[in-house]
C-alpha cells in the first residue's frame, strides 16, 4: 500500500547543517555481501559530524524534481547510498540508525545475507514467468505464507502492493456476499488506488477521484455502538487495521477486535484485516490476528512481505475462496519468481532467527526507556509504535535526525512513528533513548 510520504520533513536548520553521531556496531550477521567478513566499525565511526551538502546543483532532490512529478512531501535532507543491518550510510558521509524502515518495508534491515543470496540465486535461475504457468516456487511461497498466517485462512492470492491486496480483498467480499457497502474506521489508511482510497479516512485530501466507486460508512474507532448500527444488511465487509499506522500507531486492542468479529458474524458481513503495515512479525506475532486471537475472513499483507521487493497478498478462508474461477482475479506481476523467492526467505528468516521474540523484548525496552524528554506516552504494538510528544512531531523528527536517527511522522501531528526493522538491536534502543533524553521537552 503506498502510504503518504509523511516521513521526515525536508527543511534544514538555520545553519544549513545536520550533525551525525557515532553508531553502535551493527551485528556482523547482517552484511550486504555474505562473503565479506571485514569489520566496518572503523568506517562507521569515521562517518561523523559531516554537514549536509547545500541543496542545489548536483543534488538528488534537484535531479528528481526535474524528472518526477512533485507529489511527495519535502524530502528527508539525507541521501542513503548503502545499508547494513539497521544502519544506513549517506552520500555525504553519515551513519544513521533507521527506526522507520521506509514505511515498514525494510523488515529485515539492509543487506541481510539470506535475502541477498535468495535474490541473486533466483535472478540467475528464472527472473520472471507469468501466472499462466505453474511454478513450484510459487506454490512453496503461498504454502509458507498460509502456514505463517492465522489458522482458518487457507488460500493466498499474490499481488504487488498493499493497495492492490486491499482492492482484491474488497472485490472478493462483494463477490461472496452480493452486498454493496463497506464499513471502515475513522483514521484508516488502506491505499491510494480507487477502491483503497474510497475506504481511507479523509482520502479526499489527496486522491482526486470525483466520487467513490461504492458506498462507504466510516465509524469512530473504538465505538462498538456505532459499529453495530452501521452493519446493516447491505454491508459486504468491515475492513480495519488492527494497529492503525498512519493514524499514529493506534492499536485497536483485543476486546474491540473480538467484538467486531462477533458483530460481523451476526450481521452476515465479512471481516477484513489490513495488516499491510502491522503484519509479518511486526507485532511480535506472525500477524496481529494471532496476537489478538481473532481470525478474519480475509487478511491483506505487503510492505515487508518480501523484505523490500514489491509484493503483496490476500489470505482468505475456504468459504471466501469457494466458487472462484478463471478470470475472477488477476495480476501480471503478482506471484513472480523473484517475489516468491523472497517471501519464502523472509518467513524462514523471521522464524529461524527468533525475530518475533526479539520484537517483543525490544518493544518492551522502548516502552521502558524512551518515555523521556519530549515523549509524553508511547502507543501502538510491537515495532509499530507512536511516541506522543509535547511538541510537534515534525520538530522531534528533525532533532532525532541531527542525532543520527531516522524516524517518521504520521497523520497525528503530535506522534513520532517508529517502524524499525525486526533485526534491531538493544544498543540501537539505548541510542534512541539517549537521544530523546537530550531533546528538550
Protein backbone atom coordinates (compact mmCIF):
# COMPACT_ATOMS: atom_id res chain seq x y z
CA UNK A 1 0.00 0.00 0.00
CA UNK A 2 1.50 3.32 -1.00
CA UNK A 3 1.38 5.34 2.17
CA UNK A 4 1.67 9.14 2.40
CA UNK A 5 5.31 10.13 2.43
CA UNK A 6 4.94 11.56 5.92
CA UNK A 7 8.49 10.61 6.96
CA UNK A 8 10.92 13.37 7.78
CA UNK A 9 10.37 16.99 6.73
CA UNK A 10 12.96 18.27 4.31
CA UNK A 11 13.77 21.69 5.74
CA UNK A 12 17.20 22.19 7.27
CA UNK A 13 18.16 24.28 10.27
CA UNK A 14 19.29 27.89 10.15
CA UNK A 15 22.90 26.82 9.76
CA UNK A 16 22.03 24.51 6.87
CA UNK A 17 23.72 21.56 8.55
CA UNK A 18 22.94 18.29 10.25
CA UNK A 19 25.37 16.69 12.67
CA UNK A 20 25.78 12.89 12.77
CA UNK A 21 26.72 10.81 15.81
CA UNK A 22 28.61 7.57 16.31
CA UNK A 23 26.51 4.46 15.99
CA UNK A 24 26.93 1.23 17.91
CA UNK A 25 28.34 -1.53 15.76
CA UNK A 26 25.62 -3.49 13.93
CA UNK A 27 25.72 -7.25 14.23
CA UNK A 28 28.20 -8.87 11.85
CA UNK A 29 25.42 -11.30 10.93
CA UNK A 30 23.89 -8.73 8.61
CA UNK A 31 26.20 -7.90 5.72
CA UNK A 32 25.33 -6.90 2.20
CA UNK A 33 27.93 -9.38 0.97
CA UNK A 34 27.67 -12.67 2.87
CA UNK A 35 31.29 -13.47 1.98
CA UNK A 36 32.57 -10.18 3.40
CA UNK A 37 33.75 -10.77 6.96
CA UNK A 38 35.55 -7.45 7.32
CA UNK A 39 34.94 -5.26 10.33
CA UNK A 40 33.44 -1.94 9.22
CA UNK A 41 33.28 -0.33 12.65
CA UNK A 42 36.22 1.96 11.85
CA UNK A 43 34.47 3.16 8.71
CA UNK A 44 31.25 3.80 10.58
CA UNK A 45 32.93 5.70 13.40
CA UNK A 46 34.68 7.86 10.79
CA UNK A 47 31.35 8.95 9.29
CA UNK A 48 30.66 11.57 11.92
CA UNK A 49 29.91 15.24 12.03
CA UNK A 50 29.74 15.93 8.30
CA UNK A 51 27.32 18.74 7.43
CA UNK A 52 24.74 18.17 4.75
CA UNK A 53 25.59 19.49 1.31
CA UNK A 54 23.63 22.56 0.29
CA UNK A 55 20.63 21.83 -1.84
CA UNK A 56 21.15 22.77 -5.41
CA UNK A 57 23.09 21.68 -8.42
CA UNK A 58 24.01 18.02 -8.38
CA UNK A 59 21.67 17.05 -5.55
CA UNK A 60 19.37 14.04 -5.85
CA UNK A 61 16.45 16.26 -4.89
CA UNK A 62 17.12 18.62 -7.79
CA UNK A 63 17.53 15.70 -10.19
CA UNK A 64 14.25 14.15 -9.05
CA UNK A 65 12.38 17.44 -9.31
CA UNK A 66 13.44 17.72 -12.94
CA UNK A 67 12.12 14.31 -13.99
CA UNK A 68 9.46 13.25 -11.48
CA UNK A 69 6.07 14.65 -10.56
CA UNK A 70 6.23 16.80 -7.40
CA UNK A 71 3.79 14.66 -5.40
CA UNK A 72 5.82 13.77 -2.30
CA UNK A 73 6.41 15.81 0.83
CA UNK A 74 9.74 17.64 1.18
CA UNK A 75 12.47 15.06 1.14
CA UNK A 76 14.47 13.97 4.14
CA UNK A 77 17.69 16.00 3.92
CA UNK A 78 19.86 12.91 3.51
CA UNK A 79 20.56 10.58 0.59
CA UNK A 80 21.15 6.97 1.67
CA UNK A 81 23.55 5.10 -0.61
CA UNK A 82 24.15 1.89 1.34
CA UNK A 83 22.68 -0.01 4.25
CA UNK A 84 23.85 -2.71 6.63
CA UNK A 85 21.61 -4.19 9.31
CA UNK A 86 19.61 -1.33 10.82
CA UNK A 87 22.16 1.29 9.70
CA UNK A 88 22.02 3.40 6.55
CA UNK A 89 25.04 5.28 5.21
CA UNK A 90 24.50 8.55 3.38
CA UNK A 91 26.20 10.11 0.38
CA UNK A 92 27.55 12.97 2.50
CA UNK A 93 29.15 10.55 4.97
CA UNK A 94 26.85 9.83 7.89
CA UNK A 95 25.72 6.66 9.66
CA UNK A 96 22.07 6.68 10.75
CA UNK A 97 20.01 4.16 12.70
CA UNK A 98 16.86 3.57 10.69
CA UNK A 99 13.88 3.45 13.04
CA UNK A 100 11.46 3.98 10.12
CA UNK A 101 12.39 1.35 7.57
CA UNK A 102 10.87 3.08 4.56
CA UNK A 103 7.29 2.91 5.92
CA UNK A 104 7.89 -0.58 7.40
CA UNK A 105 9.24 -2.09 4.17
CA UNK A 106 12.82 -2.85 5.27
CA UNK A 107 11.60 -5.66 7.51
CA UNK A 108 14.98 -7.39 7.82
CA UNK A 109 17.02 -4.22 7.55
CA UNK A 110 19.61 -3.78 4.82
CA UNK A 111 21.88 -6.28 3.12
CA UNK A 112 20.67 -9.31 5.03
CA UNK A 113 22.76 -12.18 3.59
CA UNK A 114 19.79 -14.54 3.27
CA UNK A 115 17.84 -12.00 1.20
CA UNK A 116 20.87 -11.06 -0.89
CA UNK A 117 21.58 -14.72 -1.67
CA UNK A 118 17.93 -15.53 -2.45
CA UNK A 119 17.65 -12.54 -4.77
CA UNK A 120 20.88 -13.32 -6.63
CA UNK A 121 20.18 -17.03 -6.95
CA UNK A 122 16.64 -16.58 -8.22
CA UNK A 123 17.68 -13.87 -10.68
CA UNK A 124 20.17 -16.30 -12.20
CA UNK A 125 17.64 -19.14 -12.42
CA UNK A 126 14.33 -17.57 -13.51
CA UNK A 127 13.68 -13.86 -13.27
CA UNK A 128 10.05 -13.93 -14.42
CA UNK A 129 7.24 -16.14 -15.59
CA UNK A 130 3.54 -15.35 -15.70
CA UNK A 131 0.70 -16.95 -13.79
CA UNK A 132 -0.26 -18.83 -16.96
CA UNK A 133 2.33 -21.46 -15.96
CA UNK A 134 2.57 -23.26 -12.62
CA UNK A 135 5.73 -22.85 -10.54
CA UNK A 136 6.78 -24.99 -7.59
CA UNK A 137 8.40 -21.88 -6.13
CA UNK A 138 5.08 -20.02 -6.21
CA UNK A 139 3.33 -22.94 -4.52
CA UNK A 140 6.01 -23.07 -1.82
CA UNK A 141 5.79 -19.35 -1.12
CA UNK A 142 2.00 -19.49 -0.89
CA UNK A 143 2.13 -22.52 1.40
CA UNK A 144 4.71 -20.87 3.62
CA UNK A 145 2.62 -17.71 3.86
CA UNK A 146 -0.63 -19.57 4.59
CA UNK A 147 1.06 -21.62 7.32
CA UNK A 148 2.55 -18.41 8.75
CA UNK A 149 -0.89 -16.80 8.85
CA UNK A 150 -3.82 -17.42 11.19
CA UNK A 151 -5.49 -20.83 11.22
CA UNK A 152 -8.60 -20.81 9.06
CA UNK A 153 -7.15 -18.76 6.20
CA UNK A 154 -6.23 -21.45 3.71
CA UNK A 155 -5.61 -19.84 0.32
CA UNK A 156 -3.49 -16.96 -0.94
CA UNK A 157 -3.70 -14.56 -3.87
CA UNK A 158 -0.35 -12.94 -4.65
CA UNK A 159 -0.11 -9.34 -5.84
CA UNK A 160 2.40 -6.46 -5.79
CA UNK A 161 1.37 -3.98 -3.10
CA UNK A 162 -0.90 -3.31 -0.17
CA UNK A 163 -3.29 -1.18 -2.18
CA UNK A 164 -3.65 -3.98 -4.74
CA UNK A 165 -4.18 -6.50 -1.95
CA UNK A 166 -6.93 -4.38 -0.44
CA UNK A 167 -8.60 -3.82 -3.82
CA UNK A 168 -8.80 -7.57 -4.36
CA UNK A 169 -9.98 -8.24 -0.80
CA UNK A 170 -12.87 -5.85 -1.39
CA UNK A 171 -13.64 -7.45 -4.74
CA UNK A 172 -13.80 -10.86 -3.07
CA UNK A 173 -16.05 -9.52 -0.31
CA UNK A 174 -18.51 -8.02 -2.80
CA UNK A 175 -18.48 -11.20 -4.85
CA UNK A 176 -19.00 -13.50 -1.86
CA UNK A 177 -21.78 -11.57 -0.11
CA UNK A 178 -23.52 -9.99 -3.13
CA UNK A 179 -23.78 -6.85 -0.98
CA UNK A 180 -22.85 -3.29 -1.88
CA UNK A 181 -21.50 -1.30 1.10
CA UNK A 182 -18.25 -1.29 3.09
CA UNK A 183 -17.72 -0.14 6.68
CA UNK A 184 -14.32 1.32 7.59
CA UNK A 185 -12.89 3.16 10.57
CA UNK A 186 -12.06 6.79 11.08
CA UNK A 187 -8.30 7.23 10.90
CA UNK A 188 -7.92 4.34 8.45
CA UNK A 189 -5.35 4.23 5.68
CA UNK A 190 -5.78 1.50 3.06
CA UNK A 191 -4.09 2.86 -0.08
CA UNK A 192 -4.27 5.29 -2.99
CA UNK A 193 -5.93 3.30 -5.77
CA UNK A 194 -9.65 3.82 -6.40
CA UNK A 195 -11.26 1.30 -4.06
CA UNK A 196 -8.50 1.58 -1.45
CA UNK A 197 -8.82 5.37 -1.47
CA UNK A 198 -12.58 5.09 -1.02
CA UNK A 199 -12.13 3.28 2.31
CA UNK A 200 -9.33 5.58 3.51
CA UNK A 201 -10.37 8.20 6.06
CA UNK A 202 -10.45 11.72 4.61
CA UNK A 203 -8.98 10.50 1.35
CA UNK A 204 -10.49 13.49 -0.46
CA UNK A 205 -7.48 15.44 0.79
CA UNK A 206 -5.15 13.77 -1.68
CA UNK A 207 -6.69 11.27 -4.07
CA UNK A 208 -8.60 13.33 -6.58
CA UNK A 209 -11.24 10.78 -7.66
CA UNK A 210 -14.56 12.51 -8.42
CA UNK A 211 -16.64 10.02 -6.42
CA UNK A 212 -16.19 6.75 -4.52
CA UNK A 213 -16.83 3.57 -6.55
CA UNK A 214 -19.21 2.18 -3.89
CA UNK A 215 -20.92 3.21 -0.66
CA UNK A 216 -18.69 3.51 2.40
CA UNK A 217 -19.62 4.24 6.01
CA UNK A 218 -16.93 5.40 8.43
CA UNK A 219 -17.37 4.81 12.15
CA UNK A 220 -15.29 6.11 15.07
CA UNK A 221 -12.67 3.57 16.13
CA UNK A 222 -13.47 2.00 19.48
CA UNK A 223 -17.18 2.83 19.30
CA UNK A 224 -18.92 -0.56 19.22
CA UNK A 225 -22.37 1.01 19.28
CA UNK A 226 -21.63 2.98 16.12
CA UNK A 227 -20.16 -0.13 14.51
CA UNK A 228 -23.19 -2.26 15.31
CA UNK A 229 -25.52 0.43 13.95
CA UNK A 230 -23.51 0.67 10.71
CA UNK A 231 -23.53 -3.07 9.97
CA UNK A 232 -26.76 -3.19 8.02
CA UNK A 233 -27.99 -5.92 5.70
CA UNK A 234 -26.26 -4.28 2.71
CA UNK A 235 -22.74 -4.34 4.22
CA UNK A 236 -20.33 -6.67 2.45
CA UNK A 237 -17.43 -6.21 4.86
CA UNK A 238 -15.85 -4.33 7.71
CA UNK A 239 -12.20 -3.55 6.97
CA UNK A 240 -9.84 -2.48 9.74
CA UNK A 241 -6.17 -2.20 10.60
CA UNK A 242 -5.59 -3.94 13.96
CA UNK A 243 -2.94 -1.27 14.53
CA UNK A 244 -3.67 1.91 12.59
CA UNK A 245 -0.35 3.11 11.23
CA UNK A 246 -0.97 6.43 9.52
CA UNK A 247 -3.29 7.46 12.37
CA UNK A 248 -0.28 7.43 14.67
CA UNK A 249 0.23 3.78 15.65
CA UNK A 250 -3.14 3.30 17.32
CA UNK A 251 -3.77 -0.28 18.47
CA UNK A 252 -7.47 -1.13 18.40
CA UNK A 253 -6.99 -3.73 21.13
CA UNK A 254 -8.12 -7.33 21.50
CA UNK A 255 -11.52 -6.62 23.13
CA UNK A 256 -12.63 -4.29 20.32
CA UNK A 257 -11.39 -6.62 17.60
CA UNK A 258 -13.08 -9.64 19.19
CA UNK A 259 -16.34 -7.70 19.45
CA UNK A 260 -16.01 -6.61 15.81
CA UNK A 261 -15.67 -10.29 14.84
CA UNK A 262 -18.90 -11.11 16.70
CA UNK A 263 -20.79 -8.19 15.16
CA UNK A 264 -19.76 -9.02 11.60
CA UNK A 265 -20.72 -12.66 12.04
CA UNK A 266 -24.12 -11.63 13.41
CA UNK A 267 -24.76 -9.25 10.50
CA UNK A 268 -23.50 -11.56 7.75
CA UNK A 269 -20.69 -9.17 6.79
CA UNK A 270 -17.12 -10.34 6.25
CA UNK A 271 -14.22 -9.11 8.38
CA UNK A 272 -11.06 -7.96 6.59
CA UNK A 273 -7.82 -7.28 8.44
CA UNK A 274 -5.49 -4.87 6.66
CA UNK A 275 -2.12 -5.99 8.04
CA UNK A 276 -0.08 -4.32 5.33
CA UNK A 277 1.81 -2.30 7.92
CA UNK A 278 1.35 -4.24 11.18
CA UNK A 279 1.82 -7.78 9.82
CA UNK A 280 4.82 -10.03 9.10
CA UNK A 281 6.06 -10.30 12.66
CA UNK A 282 5.85 -6.60 13.47
CA UNK A 283 3.56 -7.11 16.50
CA UNK A 284 5.82 -9.86 17.83
CA UNK A 285 3.49 -12.45 16.29
CA UNK A 286 3.15 -13.51 12.65
CA UNK A 287 0.12 -11.25 12.29
CA UNK A 288 -1.95 -9.18 14.69
CA UNK A 289 -4.70 -11.73 14.07
CA UNK A 290 -2.68 -14.25 16.08
CA UNK A 291 -1.62 -11.63 18.63
CA UNK A 292 -5.26 -10.79 19.37
CA UNK A 293 -6.67 -14.28 18.90
CA UNK A 294 -9.15 -13.31 16.17
CA UNK A 295 -9.26 -14.80 12.67
CA UNK A 296 -10.78 -12.60 9.95
CA UNK A 297 -12.35 -13.84 6.73
CA UNK A 298 -9.65 -12.11 4.68
CA UNK A 299 -6.25 -10.69 5.58
CA UNK A 300 -4.04 -8.45 3.45
CA UNK A 301 -0.28 -8.06 3.75
CA UNK A 302 2.51 -6.30 1.83
CA UNK A 303 5.26 -3.78 2.73
CA UNK A 304 7.85 -6.02 4.43
CA UNK A 305 6.41 -9.23 2.96
CA UNK A 306 9.39 -9.66 0.59
CA UNK A 307 11.89 -7.62 2.60
CA UNK A 308 11.90 -4.65 0.22
CA UNK A 309 10.91 -6.26 -3.08
CA UNK A 310 7.39 -5.33 -4.31
CA UNK A 311 4.95 -7.98 -3.09
CA UNK A 312 1.52 -8.24 -1.53
CA UNK A 313 -1.01 -10.94 -0.75
CA UNK A 314 -4.57 -11.66 0.27
CA UNK A 315 -5.19 -14.64 2.56
CA UNK A 316 -8.75 -15.98 2.53
CA UNK A 317 -10.89 -18.69 4.08
CA UNK A 318 -12.22 -21.70 2.21
CA UNK A 319 -15.68 -20.13 2.23
CA UNK A 320 -14.48 -16.96 0.52
CA UNK A 321 -12.40 -18.96 -1.97
CA UNK A 322 -15.29 -21.22 -2.92
CA UNK A 323 -16.57 -20.85 -6.46
CA UNK A 324 -13.74 -18.72 -7.81
CA UNK A 325 -12.97 -19.44 -11.43
CA UNK A 326 -10.60 -18.45 -14.20
CA UNK A 327 -10.52 -14.69 -14.75
CA UNK A 328 -12.19 -13.64 -11.50
CA UNK A 329 -8.89 -12.14 -10.29
CA UNK A 330 -5.55 -11.49 -11.93
CA UNK A 331 -2.18 -9.76 -11.54
CA UNK A 332 0.52 -9.74 -14.20
CA UNK A 333 3.46 -9.46 -11.82
CA UNK A 334 1.78 -10.91 -8.72
CA UNK A 335 3.45 -14.14 -7.64
CA UNK A 336 6.51 -13.61 -9.82
CA UNK A 337 9.55 -15.81 -9.11
CA UNK A 338 11.65 -13.04 -7.57
CA UNK A 339 8.95 -12.02 -5.10
CA UNK A 340 8.14 -15.63 -4.24
CA UNK A 341 11.77 -16.48 -3.50
CA UNK A 342 11.98 -13.52 -1.16
CA UNK A 343 8.62 -14.17 0.55
CA UNK A 344 9.78 -17.69 1.35
CA UNK A 345 13.15 -16.41 2.60
CA UNK A 346 11.66 -13.63 4.75
CA UNK A 347 9.37 -16.04 6.59
CA UNK A 348 12.16 -18.59 7.05
CA UNK A 349 14.39 -15.85 8.47
CA UNK A 350 11.78 -14.48 10.86
CA UNK A 351 11.20 -17.95 12.26
CA UNK A 352 14.75 -19.31 12.31
CA UNK A 353 16.36 -16.19 13.79
CA UNK A 354 13.76 -15.72 16.53
CA UNK A 355 12.87 -12.24 15.31
CA UNK A 356 9.36 -12.17 16.77
CA UNK A 357 10.80 -12.85 20.21
CA UNK A 358 13.27 -10.03 19.57
CA UNK A 359 10.42 -7.68 18.66
CA UNK A 360 8.57 -8.45 21.87
CA UNK A 361 11.67 -7.91 24.02
CA UNK A 362 12.87 -4.71 22.35
CA UNK A 363 9.38 -3.23 22.10
CA UNK A 364 9.13 -3.58 25.88
CA UNK A 365 12.57 -1.98 26.19
CA UNK A 366 11.48 1.00 24.08
CA UNK A 367 8.42 1.48 26.29
CA UNK A 368 10.54 1.26 29.44
CA UNK A 369 13.35 3.59 28.39
CA UNK A 370 12.07 6.04 25.78
CA UNK A 371 9.35 7.93 27.64
CA UNK A 372 11.83 10.72 28.29
CA UNK A 373 12.48 14.24 27.05
CA UNK A 374 9.57 15.33 24.84
CA UNK A 375 7.86 11.90 24.88
CA UNK A 376 4.67 12.03 26.96
CA UNK A 377 3.43 8.50 26.21
CA UNK A 378 4.05 5.54 23.89
CA UNK A 379 1.29 3.80 21.95
CA UNK A 380 0.95 1.06 19.36
CA UNK A 381 2.16 -2.53 19.42
CA UNK A 382 5.44 -4.35 18.81
CA UNK A 383 7.57 -2.47 16.30
CA UNK A 384 4.72 -0.23 15.15
CA UNK A 385 4.97 2.43 17.84
CA UNK A 386 3.95 6.04 18.25
CA UNK A 387 5.77 8.44 20.55
CA UNK A 388 3.26 11.09 21.65
CA UNK A 389 5.25 14.26 22.10
CA UNK A 390 4.85 17.57 23.91
CA UNK A 391 5.93 19.47 20.79
CA UNK A 392 5.01 18.92 17.12
CA UNK A 393 6.31 15.56 15.92
CA UNK A 394 8.00 17.08 12.88
CA UNK A 395 10.28 19.07 15.20
CA UNK A 396 11.24 15.95 17.15
CA UNK A 397 11.88 14.02 13.94
CA UNK A 398 14.26 16.75 12.77
CA UNK A 399 16.10 16.77 16.08
CA UNK A 400 16.40 12.98 16.10
CA UNK A 401 17.89 13.16 12.62
CA UNK A 402 20.52 15.57 13.92
CA UNK A 403 21.40 12.89 16.47
CA UNK A 404 21.71 10.16 13.86
CA UNK A 405 18.25 8.57 14.00
CA UNK A 406 15.71 8.24 11.19
CA UNK A 407 12.10 8.32 12.35
CA UNK A 408 8.79 9.45 10.87
CA UNK A 409 5.66 11.47 11.39
CA UNK A 410 2.06 10.33 10.90
CA UNK A 411 -1.43 11.70 10.42
CA UNK A 412 -1.36 12.78 14.07
CA UNK A 413 0.81 15.90 14.30
CA UNK A 414 1.88 15.03 17.84
CA UNK A 415 3.06 11.46 17.19
CA UNK A 416 6.51 10.35 16.04
CA UNK A 417 6.16 6.98 14.34
CA UNK A 418 8.69 4.15 14.73
CA UNK A 419 8.75 1.23 12.27
CA UNK A 420 12.21 -0.28 12.80
CA UNK A 421 13.43 -3.48 11.13
CA UNK A 422 12.93 -6.68 13.09
CA UNK A 423 16.71 -7.12 13.36
CA UNK A 424 17.05 -4.03 15.58
CA UNK A 425 19.48 -4.40 18.49
CA UNK A 426 19.36 -3.36 22.14
CA UNK A 427 22.23 -0.92 21.52
CA UNK A 428 20.07 0.88 18.96
CA UNK A 429 17.27 1.27 21.52
CA UNK A 430 19.80 2.63 24.01
CA UNK A 431 20.95 5.19 21.43
CA UNK A 432 17.34 6.24 20.78
CA UNK A 433 16.61 6.63 24.50
CA UNK A 434 19.76 8.72 25.00
CA UNK A 435 18.90 10.94 22.02
CA UNK A 436 15.35 11.54 23.26
CA UNK A 437 16.60 12.36 26.75
CA UNK A 438 18.83 15.07 25.25
CA UNK A 439 15.94 16.72 23.36
CA UNK A 440 14.13 19.46 25.22
CA UNK A 441 10.55 18.65 26.31
